[in-house]
Amino acid sequence: GSLWEHLAEIDLTCNNRLDVLISGMQENQGITEALKSRDPMAWVRAMNNIRNCAEEIILRELVYGEDGA
C-alpha cells in the first residue's frame, strides 16, 4: 500500500522540479513569447532542448540518485 504513495510523491516532486527547471532555463536563455510569435520553429527547438535537459537533470538527481560529481 505504501509503494503507490511513495511513487505518487516522487511523481509530484519530479513534476514540480521540472516546472522550476524549465522556467529557469527558459528565462536564462531568453526564450520568450516574442520569440514564439516571431520564429515558432526556433521556439519549439529551444523548448524541446530545455525540456530534454531538464528531464535528464531530474533523472540524475531524483530517480537515479546521482549527485552530479
Protein backbone atom coordinates (compact mmCIF):
# COMPACT_ATOMS: atom_id res chain seq x y z
CA GLY A 1 0.00 0.00 0.00
CA SER A 2 2.81 2.45 0.71
CA LEU A 3 4.52 1.89 -2.65
CA TRP A 4 1.80 3.78 -4.54
CA GLU A 5 2.00 6.64 -2.05
CA HIS A 6 5.77 6.78 -2.47
CA LEU A 7 5.52 6.71 -6.28
CA ALA A 8 2.88 9.45 -6.25
CA GLU A 9 5.14 11.58 -4.05
CA ILE A 10 8.13 11.04 -6.37
CA ASP A 11 5.97 11.87 -9.40
CA LEU A 12 4.77 15.11 -7.81
CA THR A 13 8.30 16.07 -6.80
CA CYS A 14 9.64 15.36 -10.30
CA ASN A 15 6.88 17.36 -11.99
CA ASN A 16 7.37 20.32 -9.66
CA ARG A 17 11.14 20.25 -10.22
CA LEU A 18 10.58 20.00 -13.99
CA ASP A 19 8.43 23.14 -13.95
CA VAL A 20 11.05 25.06 -11.96
CA LEU A 21 13.93 23.92 -14.16
CA ILE A 22 12.12 24.72 -17.41
CA SER A 23 11.11 28.18 -16.21
CA GLY A 24 14.64 28.96 -15.05
CA MET A 25 16.31 27.69 -18.21
CA GLN A 26 13.79 29.49 -20.39
CA GLU A 27 14.48 32.75 -18.58
CA ASN A 28 18.27 32.28 -18.65
CA GLN A 29 18.26 31.56 -22.38
CA GLY A 30 15.86 34.36 -23.26
CA ILE A 31 13.21 32.09 -24.73
CA THR A 32 10.16 34.36 -24.71
CA GLU A 33 6.68 34.63 -26.17
CA ALA A 34 8.13 37.24 -28.54
CA LEU A 35 10.40 34.57 -30.00
CA LYS A 36 7.44 32.21 -30.21
CA SER A 37 5.47 34.68 -32.33
CA ARG A 38 8.49 35.79 -34.39
CA ASP A 39 10.02 32.36 -35.08
CA PRO A 40 7.82 29.49 -33.89
CA MET A 41 10.19 26.74 -35.06
CA ALA A 42 13.16 28.26 -33.22
CA TRP A 43 10.99 28.49 -30.10
CA VAL A 44 9.94 24.83 -30.41
CA ARG A 45 13.56 23.72 -30.89
CA ALA A 46 14.69 25.73 -27.89
CA MET A 47 11.85 24.49 -25.67
CA ASN A 48 12.43 20.86 -26.70
CA ASN A 49 16.11 21.25 -25.85
CA ILE A 50 15.29 22.82 -22.48
CA ARG A 51 12.77 20.09 -21.64
CA ASN A 52 15.21 17.32 -22.58
CA CYS A 53 17.96 18.87 -20.44
CA ALA A 54 15.59 19.34 -17.50
CA GLU A 55 14.38 15.74 -17.73
CA GLU A 56 17.99 14.49 -17.74
CA ILE A 57 18.73 16.54 -14.62
CA ILE A 58 15.66 15.15 -12.85
CA LEU A 59 16.51 11.58 -13.77
CA ARG A 60 20.05 12.03 -12.50
CA GLU A 61 19.11 13.84 -9.28
CA LEU A 62 15.80 12.33 -8.20
CA VAL A 63 15.44 8.97 -9.91
CA TYR A 64 18.96 7.58 -10.06
CA GLY A 65 20.21 9.48 -7.01
CA GLU A 66 23.44 10.70 -8.60
CA ASP A 67 24.94 13.86 -7.18
CA GLY A 68 26.43 15.07 -10.45
CA ALA A 69 30.03 14.71 -9.28
